[in-house]
Amino acid sequence: MENKQQRNKYMNPYLGGFLMGLLIIAAYYFSGEGLGSSGGYRDVAMGVINTVAPEYARSNEYIAPHVAEGHSPTHTWLVYELLGVIFGAIISAALFGRLKWTTGRPPHITKRRRLWLALIGGILWGIGTQLGRGCTSGLVLSGMAVNSMSGYIGLAAIFGFGYLFAFIFRKLWINNKNR
């Protein structure tokens, strides 16, 4: 009974999915772009590069069009989306009593190693999203919203490999937990 009460204080996943669909429609209507996070991180990185090394930014073939006179790459829809996700997550966690300063990790990995692995994983994610021309949310949510075949293929691949890797790593976590 307690588990069911615990579950009920969070949003209904069907309502969440419906609201996400409405958000994608609104994003396309008002900004002409779908949802995604990698573009926002890219824009922030270009803004930092432009601030730290403006000559390099203006001479770089990729960055130069984004830092044209009077234009800042950090003033884009995707950057504000990222800020909303970050602050929305903090507010949601605070409202539901889940705002804690902890590091989730298996028992056989130290906190320091877990944080280093998270940093390395984040860097690899950033490189991969730029090589792949976007992140999973951009591919699946926005791709499927415009009925793109790549969105459907991406959804199947992401969830298929996600379940496979979850199964493998769950087994590793459980086996190492009993040491």
N, C-alpha and C. Protein backbone atom coordinates (compact mmCIF):
# COMPACT_ATOMS: atom_id res chain seq x y z
N MET A 1 0.82 -1.20 0.00
CA MET A 1 0.00 0.00 0.00
C MET A 1 0.87 1.27 0.00
N GLU A 2 1.93 1.25 0.82
CA GLU A 2 2.80 2.42 0.90
C GLU A 2 3.49 2.70 -0.44
N ASN A 3 3.88 1.64 -1.15
CA ASN A 3 4.53 1.80 -2.45
C ASN A 3 3.58 2.46 -3.45
N LYS A 4 2.30 2.08 -3.41
CA LYS A 4 1.32 2.68 -4.31
C LYS A 4 1.11 4.16 -3.97
N GLN A 5 1.07 4.49 -2.69
CA GLN A 5 0.93 5.88 -2.29
C GLN A 5 2.15 6.68 -2.72
N GLN A 6 3.32 6.09 -2.58
CA GLN A 6 4.56 6.75 -3.00
C GLN A 6 4.50 7.04 -4.50
N ARG A 7 4.04 6.08 -5.30
CA ARG A 7 3.94 6.24 -6.75
C ARG A 7 2.93 7.32 -7.12
N ASN A 8 1.83 7.41 -6.40
CA ASN A 8 0.76 8.33 -6.75
C ASN A 8 1.12 9.79 -6.55
N LYS A 9 2.15 10.09 -5.76
CA LYS A 9 2.47 11.49 -5.56
C LYS A 9 3.31 12.06 -6.71
N TYR A 10 3.70 11.22 -7.66
CA TYR A 10 4.41 11.68 -8.84
C TYR A 10 3.43 11.78 -10.00
N MET A 11 3.85 12.44 -11.07
CA MET A 11 2.95 12.64 -12.21
C MET A 11 2.59 11.33 -12.90
N ASN A 12 1.39 11.26 -13.37
CA ASN A 12 0.93 10.13 -14.16
C ASN A 12 1.75 10.11 -15.47
N PRO A 13 2.38 8.97 -15.82
CA PRO A 13 3.21 8.95 -17.03
C PRO A 13 2.42 9.20 -18.32
N TYR A 14 1.17 8.82 -18.35
CA TYR A 14 0.36 9.07 -19.55
C TYR A 14 0.08 10.56 -19.71
N LEU A 15 -0.21 11.21 -18.60
CA LEU A 15 -0.41 12.66 -18.64
C LEU A 15 0.90 13.35 -19.03
N GLY A 16 2.02 12.88 -18.47
CA GLY A 16 3.33 13.44 -18.82
C GLY A 16 3.63 13.30 -20.30
N GLY A 17 3.33 12.14 -20.88
CA GLY A 17 3.54 11.94 -22.32
C GLY A 17 2.67 12.85 -23.16
N PHE A 18 1.42 13.00 -22.75
CA PHE A 18 0.50 13.89 -23.46
C PHE A 18 0.99 15.34 -23.41
N LEU A 19 1.43 15.77 -22.22
CA LEU A 19 1.94 17.14 -22.08
C LEU A 19 3.22 17.33 -22.89
N MET A 20 4.07 16.30 -22.95
CA MET A 20 5.29 16.38 -23.77
C MET A 20 4.92 16.55 -25.24
N GLY A 21 3.91 15.85 -25.69
CA GLY A 21 3.45 16.00 -27.08
C GLY A 21 2.97 17.43 -27.35
N LEU A 22 2.22 17.99 -26.41
CA LEU A 22 1.77 19.38 -26.57
C LEU A 22 2.96 20.35 -26.58
N LEU A 23 3.96 20.05 -25.76
CA LEU A 23 5.15 20.90 -25.73
C LEU A 23 5.90 20.86 -27.05
N ILE A 24 5.98 19.70 -27.67
CA ILE A 24 6.66 19.59 -28.96
C ILE A 24 5.91 20.38 -30.02
N ILE A 25 4.59 20.28 -30.02
CA ILE A 25 3.79 21.05 -30.97
C ILE A 25 4.02 22.55 -30.76
N ALA A 26 4.01 22.98 -29.50
CA ALA A 26 4.24 24.40 -29.20
C ALA A 26 5.64 24.82 -29.62
N ALA A 27 6.62 23.95 -29.41
CA ALA A 27 8.00 24.29 -29.79
C ALA A 27 8.10 24.50 -31.29
N TYR A 28 7.51 23.61 -32.07
CA TYR A 28 7.54 23.78 -33.53
C TYR A 28 6.78 25.02 -33.96
N TYR A 29 5.65 25.28 -33.31
CA TYR A 29 4.83 26.43 -33.70
C TYR A 29 5.54 27.76 -33.40
N PHE A 30 6.08 27.89 -32.18
CA PHE A 30 6.65 29.17 -31.77
C PHE A 30 8.10 29.38 -32.19
N SER A 31 8.90 28.30 -32.29
CA SER A 31 10.31 28.50 -32.59
C SER A 31 10.74 27.89 -33.91
N GLY A 32 9.92 27.03 -34.48
CA GLY A 32 10.31 26.36 -35.71
C GLY A 32 11.31 25.24 -35.49
N GLU A 33 11.59 24.90 -34.23
CA GLU A 33 12.52 23.83 -33.89
C GLU A 33 11.85 22.86 -32.93
N GLY A 34 12.34 21.62 -32.94
CA GLY A 34 11.86 20.63 -31.99
C GLY A 34 12.62 20.72 -30.68
N LEU A 35 12.46 19.69 -29.86
CA LEU A 35 13.14 19.64 -28.57
C LEU A 35 14.44 18.85 -28.70
N GLY A 36 15.40 19.17 -27.88
CA GLY A 36 16.67 18.47 -27.85
C GLY A 36 17.62 19.20 -26.93
N SER A 37 18.62 18.50 -26.43
CA SER A 37 19.53 19.13 -25.49
C SER A 37 20.91 19.38 -26.06
N SER A 38 21.35 18.57 -27.00
CA SER A 38 22.74 18.70 -27.46
C SER A 38 22.99 20.04 -28.16
N GLY A 39 22.01 20.55 -28.87
CA GLY A 39 22.18 21.85 -29.53
C GLY A 39 22.37 22.97 -28.53
N GLY A 40 21.68 22.89 -27.40
CA GLY A 40 21.85 23.90 -26.36
C GLY A 40 23.24 23.85 -25.75
N TYR A 41 23.73 22.64 -25.49
CA TYR A 41 25.09 22.51 -24.96
C TYR A 41 26.12 23.02 -25.97
N ARG A 42 25.88 22.73 -27.24
CA ARG A 42 26.77 23.22 -28.30
C ARG A 42 26.78 24.75 -28.32
N ASP A 43 25.60 25.35 -28.21
CA ASP A 43 25.51 26.81 -28.23
C ASP A 43 26.23 27.43 -27.03
N VAL A 44 26.10 26.82 -25.86
CA VAL A 44 26.81 27.32 -24.68
C VAL A 44 28.31 27.20 -24.89
N ALA A 45 28.76 26.06 -25.42
CA ALA A 45 30.20 25.88 -25.68
C ALA A 45 30.71 26.93 -26.66
N MET A 46 29.95 27.22 -27.72
CA MET A 46 30.37 28.25 -28.67
C MET A 46 30.40 29.63 -28.02
N GLY A 47 29.46 29.91 -27.12
CA GLY A 47 29.46 31.19 -26.41
C GLY A 47 30.67 31.32 -25.51
N VAL A 48 31.05 30.25 -24.84
CA VAL A 48 32.24 30.27 -23.98
C VAL A 48 33.50 30.48 -24.83
N ILE A 49 33.59 29.76 -25.95
CA ILE A 49 34.75 29.91 -26.83
C ILE A 49 34.83 31.34 -27.35
N ASN A 50 33.68 31.91 -27.72
CA ASN A 50 33.66 33.28 -28.21
C ASN A 50 34.09 34.28 -27.14
N THR A 51 33.75 34.00 -25.89
CA THR A 51 34.14 34.89 -24.79
C THR A 51 35.63 34.76 -24.47
N VAL A 52 36.12 33.53 -24.45
CA VAL A 52 37.51 33.28 -24.06
C VAL A 52 38.48 33.59 -25.20
N ALA A 53 38.12 33.18 -26.41
CA ALA A 53 39.03 33.35 -27.56
C ALA A 53 38.23 33.84 -28.77
N PRO A 54 37.84 35.13 -28.78
CA PRO A 54 36.99 35.64 -29.87
C PRO A 54 37.63 35.56 -31.25
N GLU A 55 38.95 35.74 -31.33
CA GLU A 55 39.62 35.66 -32.63
C GLU A 55 39.50 34.25 -33.21
N TYR A 56 39.72 33.27 -32.34
CA TYR A 56 39.60 31.88 -32.77
C TYR A 56 38.17 31.59 -33.22
N ALA A 57 37.19 32.04 -32.44
CA ALA A 57 35.79 31.78 -32.77
C ALA A 57 35.43 32.36 -34.14
N ARG A 58 35.89 33.58 -34.42
CA ARG A 58 35.57 34.21 -35.71
C ARG A 58 36.31 33.56 -36.87
N SER A 59 37.46 32.92 -36.60
CA SER A 59 38.21 32.27 -37.68
C SER A 59 37.82 30.81 -37.88
N ASN A 60 37.11 30.23 -36.93
CA ASN A 60 36.71 28.83 -37.03
C ASN A 60 35.52 28.70 -37.98
N GLU A 61 35.63 27.84 -38.96
CA GLU A 61 34.60 27.69 -39.99
C GLU A 61 33.25 27.27 -39.41
N TYR A 62 33.27 26.46 -38.35
CA TYR A 62 32.02 25.98 -37.76
C TYR A 62 31.39 27.01 -36.84
N ILE A 63 32.21 27.67 -36.04
CA ILE A 63 31.70 28.59 -35.02
C ILE A 63 31.38 29.97 -35.59
N ALA A 64 32.13 30.44 -36.58
CA ALA A 64 32.01 31.80 -37.11
C ALA A 64 30.58 32.21 -37.45
N PRO A 65 29.79 31.39 -38.16
CA PRO A 65 28.42 31.84 -38.48
C PRO A 65 27.54 32.05 -37.24
N HIS A 66 27.88 31.39 -36.14
CA HIS A 66 27.07 31.50 -34.92
C HIS A 66 27.47 32.68 -34.05
N VAL A 67 28.62 33.28 -34.32
CA VAL A 67 29.09 34.41 -33.51
C VAL A 67 29.22 35.68 -34.35
N ALA A 68 28.37 35.79 -35.35
CA ALA A 68 28.40 36.96 -36.23
C ALA A 68 28.15 38.23 -35.40
N GLU A 69 28.46 39.36 -35.99
CA GLU A 69 28.31 40.65 -35.30
C GLU A 69 26.95 40.78 -34.62
N GLY A 70 27.01 41.06 -33.33
CA GLY A 70 25.78 41.31 -32.57
C GLY A 70 24.96 40.08 -32.25
N HIS A 71 25.44 38.90 -32.59
CA HIS A 71 24.68 37.68 -32.34
C HIS A 71 25.43 36.80 -31.34
N SER A 72 24.75 36.36 -30.31
CA SER A 72 25.36 35.46 -29.33
C SER A 72 24.73 34.08 -29.48
N PRO A 73 25.54 33.04 -29.58
CA PRO A 73 24.98 31.70 -29.70
C PRO A 73 24.23 31.25 -28.45
N THR A 74 24.44 31.93 -27.33
CA THR A 74 23.76 31.52 -26.10
C THR A 74 22.33 32.06 -26.00
N HIS A 75 21.93 32.94 -26.91
CA HIS A 75 20.56 33.46 -26.91
C HIS A 75 19.70 32.69 -27.90
N THR A 76 19.62 31.39 -27.70
CA THR A 76 18.80 30.55 -28.57
C THR A 76 17.76 29.82 -27.74
N TRP A 77 16.76 29.35 -28.40
CA TRP A 77 15.68 28.59 -27.78
C TRP A 77 16.23 27.41 -26.99
N LEU A 78 17.20 26.69 -27.54
CA LEU A 78 17.70 25.48 -26.91
C LEU A 78 18.44 25.76 -25.60
N VAL A 79 19.13 26.88 -25.51
CA VAL A 79 19.82 27.24 -24.26
C VAL A 79 18.78 27.50 -23.17
N TYR A 80 17.72 28.21 -23.50
CA TYR A 80 16.68 28.48 -22.52
C TYR A 80 15.92 27.21 -22.16
N GLU A 81 15.80 26.29 -23.10
CA GLU A 81 15.20 24.99 -22.80
C GLU A 81 16.04 24.26 -21.76
N LEU A 82 17.36 24.26 -21.94
CA LEU A 82 18.26 23.61 -20.97
C LEU A 82 18.13 24.23 -19.59
N LEU A 83 18.11 25.54 -19.53
CA LEU A 83 17.95 26.21 -18.23
C LEU A 83 16.63 25.81 -17.58
N GLY A 84 15.58 25.73 -18.38
CA GLY A 84 14.28 25.30 -17.85
C GLY A 84 14.31 23.87 -17.33
N VAL A 85 15.00 22.98 -18.03
CA VAL A 85 15.11 21.59 -17.58
C VAL A 85 15.88 21.53 -16.27
N ILE A 86 16.99 22.24 -16.19
CA ILE A 86 17.81 22.21 -14.97
C ILE A 86 17.04 22.77 -13.78
N PHE A 87 16.49 23.97 -13.92
CA PHE A 87 15.77 24.58 -12.80
C PHE A 87 14.45 23.87 -12.52
N GLY A 88 13.80 23.36 -13.55
CA GLY A 88 12.58 22.59 -13.34
C GLY A 88 12.83 21.32 -12.56
N ALA A 89 13.95 20.64 -12.85
CA ALA A 89 14.30 19.43 -12.11
C ALA A 89 14.59 19.75 -10.64
N ILE A 90 15.28 20.85 -10.39
CA ILE A 90 15.58 21.24 -9.01
C ILE A 90 14.30 21.57 -8.25
N ILE A 91 13.42 22.33 -8.89
CA ILE A 91 12.15 22.70 -8.25
C ILE A 91 11.29 21.47 -7.99
N SER A 92 11.20 20.58 -8.98
CA SER A 92 10.42 19.35 -8.81
C SER A 92 10.96 18.50 -7.67
N ALA A 93 12.28 18.32 -7.63
CA ALA A 93 12.89 17.52 -6.57
C ALA A 93 12.63 18.16 -5.20
N ALA A 94 12.71 19.47 -5.12
CA ALA A 94 12.47 20.16 -3.85
C ALA A 94 11.01 20.00 -3.42
N LEU A 95 10.08 20.14 -4.35
CA LEU A 95 8.66 20.04 -4.02
C LEU A 95 8.28 18.65 -3.51
N PHE A 96 8.93 17.61 -4.04
CA PHE A 96 8.58 16.24 -3.68
C PHE A 96 9.56 15.63 -2.68
N GLY A 97 10.39 16.44 -2.05
CA GLY A 97 11.29 15.96 -1.01
C GLY A 97 12.40 15.05 -1.51
N ARG A 98 12.81 15.21 -2.75
CA ARG A 98 13.86 14.35 -3.31
C ARG A 98 15.14 15.13 -3.60
N LEU A 99 15.25 16.34 -3.11
CA LEU A 99 16.43 17.16 -3.36
C LEU A 99 17.50 16.81 -2.33
N LYS A 100 18.41 15.93 -2.74
CA LYS A 100 19.46 15.45 -1.85
C LYS A 100 20.79 15.54 -2.58
N TRP A 101 21.87 15.74 -1.84
CA TRP A 101 23.21 15.81 -2.41
C TRP A 101 23.84 14.43 -2.21
N THR A 102 23.55 13.50 -3.14
CA THR A 102 24.08 12.15 -3.04
C THR A 102 24.67 11.73 -4.38
N THR A 103 25.46 10.67 -4.33
CA THR A 103 26.04 10.11 -5.55
C THR A 103 25.61 8.65 -5.63
N GLY A 104 24.75 8.32 -6.58
CA GLY A 104 24.33 6.94 -6.76
C GLY A 104 25.46 6.12 -7.35
N ARG A 105 25.73 4.98 -6.74
CA ARG A 105 26.84 4.16 -7.23
C ARG A 105 26.70 2.75 -6.67
N PRO A 106 27.28 1.78 -7.36
CA PRO A 106 27.31 0.43 -6.78
C PRO A 106 28.31 0.38 -5.64
N PRO A 107 28.20 -0.60 -4.77
CA PRO A 107 29.06 -0.64 -3.59
C PRO A 107 30.56 -0.79 -3.90
N HIS A 108 30.92 -1.39 -5.01
CA HIS A 108 32.33 -1.65 -5.30
C HIS A 108 33.04 -0.50 -6.02
N ILE A 109 32.34 0.61 -6.27
CA ILE A 109 32.95 1.77 -6.92
C ILE A 109 32.95 2.93 -5.94
N THR A 110 34.08 3.59 -5.80
CA THR A 110 34.15 4.73 -4.90
C THR A 110 33.40 5.93 -5.48
N LYS A 111 33.04 6.86 -4.62
CA LYS A 111 32.34 8.06 -5.07
C LYS A 111 33.19 8.85 -6.06
N ARG A 112 34.48 8.96 -5.77
CA ARG A 112 35.39 9.69 -6.66
C ARG A 112 35.43 9.05 -8.04
N ARG A 113 35.56 7.71 -8.09
CA ARG A 113 35.60 7.01 -9.39
C ARG A 113 34.27 7.20 -10.13
N ARG A 114 33.16 7.15 -9.42
CA ARG A 114 31.85 7.32 -10.03
C ARG A 114 31.73 8.70 -10.67
N LEU A 115 32.22 9.73 -9.99
CA LEU A 115 32.16 11.08 -10.54
C LEU A 115 33.07 11.23 -11.76
N TRP A 116 34.26 10.61 -11.73
CA TRP A 116 35.14 10.64 -12.90
C TRP A 116 34.49 9.92 -14.08
N LEU A 117 33.87 8.78 -13.82
CA LEU A 117 33.20 8.04 -14.89
C LEU A 117 32.03 8.85 -15.46
N ALA A 118 31.32 9.57 -14.59
CA ALA A 118 30.23 10.42 -15.06
C ALA A 118 30.75 11.55 -15.95
N LEU A 119 31.87 12.14 -15.56
CA LEU A 119 32.47 13.20 -16.38
C LEU A 119 32.91 12.66 -17.73
N ILE A 120 33.59 11.53 -17.73
CA ILE A 120 34.03 10.91 -19.00
C ILE A 120 32.82 10.56 -19.86
N GLY A 121 31.79 10.00 -19.24
CA GLY A 121 30.57 9.67 -19.98
C GLY A 121 29.91 10.90 -20.58
N GLY A 122 29.89 12.00 -19.83
CA GLY A 122 29.32 13.24 -20.34
C GLY A 122 30.09 13.80 -21.52
N ILE A 123 31.42 13.71 -21.43
CA ILE A 123 32.25 14.18 -22.55
C ILE A 123 32.00 13.32 -23.79
N LEU A 124 31.95 12.00 -23.60
CA LEU A 124 31.68 11.11 -24.73
C LEU A 124 30.28 11.35 -25.30
N TRP A 125 29.31 11.64 -24.44
CA TRP A 125 27.96 11.96 -24.90
C TRP A 125 28.00 13.21 -25.78
N GLY A 126 28.72 14.24 -25.31
CA GLY A 126 28.81 15.48 -26.09
C GLY A 126 29.44 15.26 -27.45
N ILE A 127 30.51 14.50 -27.49
CA ILE A 127 31.17 14.20 -28.77
C ILE A 127 30.23 13.40 -29.66
N GLY A 128 29.61 12.39 -29.08
CA GLY A 128 28.70 11.53 -29.87
C GLY A 128 27.51 12.28 -30.43
N THR A 129 26.95 13.21 -29.64
CA THR A 129 25.78 13.95 -30.15
C THR A 129 26.16 14.87 -31.30
N GLN A 130 27.38 15.39 -31.26
CA GLN A 130 27.79 16.25 -32.37
C GLN A 130 28.13 15.44 -33.61
N LEU A 131 28.75 14.28 -33.41
CA LEU A 131 29.04 13.41 -34.56
C LEU A 131 27.75 12.85 -35.16
N GLY A 132 26.78 12.55 -34.28
CA GLY A 132 25.51 12.00 -34.73
C GLY A 132 24.49 13.06 -35.12
N ARG A 133 24.86 14.32 -35.06
CA ARG A 133 24.01 15.45 -35.43
C ARG A 133 22.79 15.60 -34.53
N GLY A 134 22.94 15.24 -33.25
CA GLY A 134 21.86 15.46 -32.30
C GLY A 134 21.80 14.39 -31.23
N CYS A 135 20.94 14.63 -30.25
CA CYS A 135 20.80 13.71 -29.13
C CYS A 135 19.54 12.87 -29.29
N THR A 136 19.34 11.97 -28.35
CA THR A 136 18.20 11.07 -28.45
C THR A 136 16.86 11.80 -28.38
N SER A 137 16.77 12.82 -27.55
CA SER A 137 15.49 13.53 -27.47
C SER A 137 15.20 14.26 -28.78
N GLY A 138 16.23 14.83 -29.38
CA GLY A 138 16.02 15.49 -30.67
C GLY A 138 15.64 14.50 -31.75
N LEU A 139 16.30 13.35 -31.75
CA LEU A 139 16.03 12.34 -32.76
C LEU A 139 14.64 11.74 -32.60
N VAL A 140 14.36 11.25 -31.42
CA VAL A 140 13.11 10.51 -31.22
C VAL A 140 11.90 11.44 -31.07
N LEU A 141 11.95 12.35 -30.10
CA LEU A 141 10.78 13.19 -29.86
C LEU A 141 10.46 14.08 -31.04
N SER A 142 11.46 14.82 -31.47
CA SER A 142 11.22 15.75 -32.57
C SER A 142 11.10 15.02 -33.90
N GLY A 143 11.88 13.96 -34.08
CA GLY A 143 11.80 13.19 -35.33
C GLY A 143 10.44 12.53 -35.51
N MET A 144 9.93 11.93 -34.44
CA MET A 144 8.62 11.29 -34.54
C MET A 144 7.50 12.32 -34.65
N ALA A 145 7.71 13.51 -34.08
CA ALA A 145 6.69 14.55 -34.15
C ALA A 145 6.45 15.00 -35.59
N VAL A 146 7.48 14.89 -36.44
CA VAL A 146 7.31 15.26 -37.85
C VAL A 146 7.20 14.00 -38.73
N ASN A 147 6.94 12.86 -38.07
CA ASN A 147 6.72 11.58 -38.76
C ASN A 147 7.93 11.16 -39.61
N SER A 148 9.12 11.36 -39.08
CA SER A 148 10.35 11.00 -39.76
C SER A 148 10.69 9.53 -39.48
N MET A 149 11.05 8.80 -40.52
CA MET A 149 11.40 7.38 -40.34
C MET A 149 12.59 7.24 -39.39
N SER A 150 13.55 8.18 -39.45
CA SER A 150 14.71 8.09 -38.56
C SER A 150 14.29 8.20 -37.10
N GLY A 151 13.23 8.92 -36.80
CA GLY A 151 12.73 9.01 -35.44
C GLY A 151 12.24 7.66 -34.93
N TYR A 152 11.52 6.93 -35.78
CA TYR A 152 11.01 5.61 -35.38
C TYR A 152 12.14 4.58 -35.27
N ILE A 153 13.07 4.62 -36.21
CA ILE A 153 14.22 3.70 -36.14
C ILE A 153 15.06 4.02 -34.91
N GLY A 154 15.28 5.30 -34.66
CA GLY A 154 16.03 5.72 -33.48
C GLY A 154 15.36 5.26 -32.19
N LEU A 155 14.04 5.36 -32.12
CA LEU A 155 13.31 4.92 -30.93
C LEU A 155 13.54 3.43 -30.68
N ALA A 156 13.40 2.62 -31.73
CA ALA A 156 13.60 1.18 -31.58
C ALA A 156 15.04 0.87 -31.17
N ALA A 157 16.00 1.53 -31.77
CA ALA A 157 17.41 1.28 -31.45
C ALA A 157 17.73 1.73 -30.02
N ILE A 158 17.26 2.89 -29.63
CA ILE A 158 17.57 3.41 -28.30
C ILE A 158 16.99 2.51 -27.22
N PHE A 159 15.71 2.16 -27.35
CA PHE A 159 15.11 1.32 -26.33
C PHE A 159 15.64 -0.11 -26.38
N GLY A 160 15.88 -0.62 -27.58
CA GLY A 160 16.42 -1.97 -27.70
C GLY A 160 17.78 -2.09 -27.04
N PHE A 161 18.69 -1.20 -27.39
CA PHE A 161 20.02 -1.23 -26.77
C PHE A 161 19.96 -0.83 -25.31
N GLY A 162 19.04 0.06 -24.95
CA GLY A 162 18.89 0.44 -23.55
C GLY A 162 18.50 -0.75 -22.69
N TYR A 163 17.53 -1.55 -23.15
CA TYR A 163 17.14 -2.74 -22.40
C TYR A 163 18.28 -3.75 -22.34
N LEU A 164 19.00 -3.92 -23.44
CA LEU A 164 20.12 -4.86 -23.46
C LEU A 164 21.20 -4.43 -22.47
N PHE A 165 21.62 -3.17 -22.53
CA PHE A 165 22.65 -2.70 -21.62
C PHE A 165 22.17 -2.68 -20.17
N ALA A 166 20.89 -2.35 -19.95
CA ALA A 166 20.36 -2.38 -18.58
C ALA A 166 20.42 -3.80 -18.03
N PHE A 167 20.08 -4.78 -18.84
CA PHE A 167 20.14 -6.18 -18.41
C PHE A 167 21.57 -6.57 -18.06
N ILE A 168 22.52 -6.21 -18.92
CA ILE A 168 23.93 -6.56 -18.68
C ILE A 168 24.46 -5.86 -17.44
N PHE A 169 24.25 -4.55 -17.34
CA PHE A 169 24.81 -3.81 -16.22
C PHE A 169 24.08 -4.09 -14.91
N ARG A 170 22.80 -4.44 -15.00
CA ARG A 170 22.07 -4.83 -13.80
C ARG A 170 22.68 -6.08 -13.21
N LYS A 171 23.02 -7.03 -14.08
CA LYS A 171 23.66 -8.27 -13.63
C LYS A 171 25.01 -7.98 -13.02
N LEU A 172 25.80 -7.09 -13.62
CA LEU A 172 27.10 -6.73 -13.06
C LEU A 172 26.94 -6.07 -11.70
N TRP A 173 25.97 -5.18 -11.59
CA TRP A 173 25.73 -4.46 -10.35
C TRP A 173 25.34 -5.43 -9.24
N ILE A 174 24.39 -6.34 -9.55
CA ILE A 174 23.92 -7.29 -8.55
C ILE A 174 25.04 -8.26 -8.17
N ASN A 175 25.78 -8.80 -9.15
CA ASN A 175 26.85 -9.74 -8.84
C ASN A 175 27.93 -9.11 -7.98
N ASN A 176 28.29 -7.88 -8.25
CA ASN A 176 29.33 -7.20 -7.48
C ASN A 176 28.82 -6.72 -6.14
N LYS A 177 27.53 -6.55 -6.01
CA LYS A 177 26.94 -6.08 -4.78
C LYS A 177 27.08 -7.14 -3.67
N ASN A 178 27.08 -8.41 -4.07
CA ASN A 178 27.14 -9.49 -3.10
C ASN A 178 28.56 -9.88 -2.71
N ARG A 179 29.57 -9.16 -3.16
CA ARG A 179 30.98 -9.50 -2.82
C ARG A 179 31.28 -9.20 -1.38
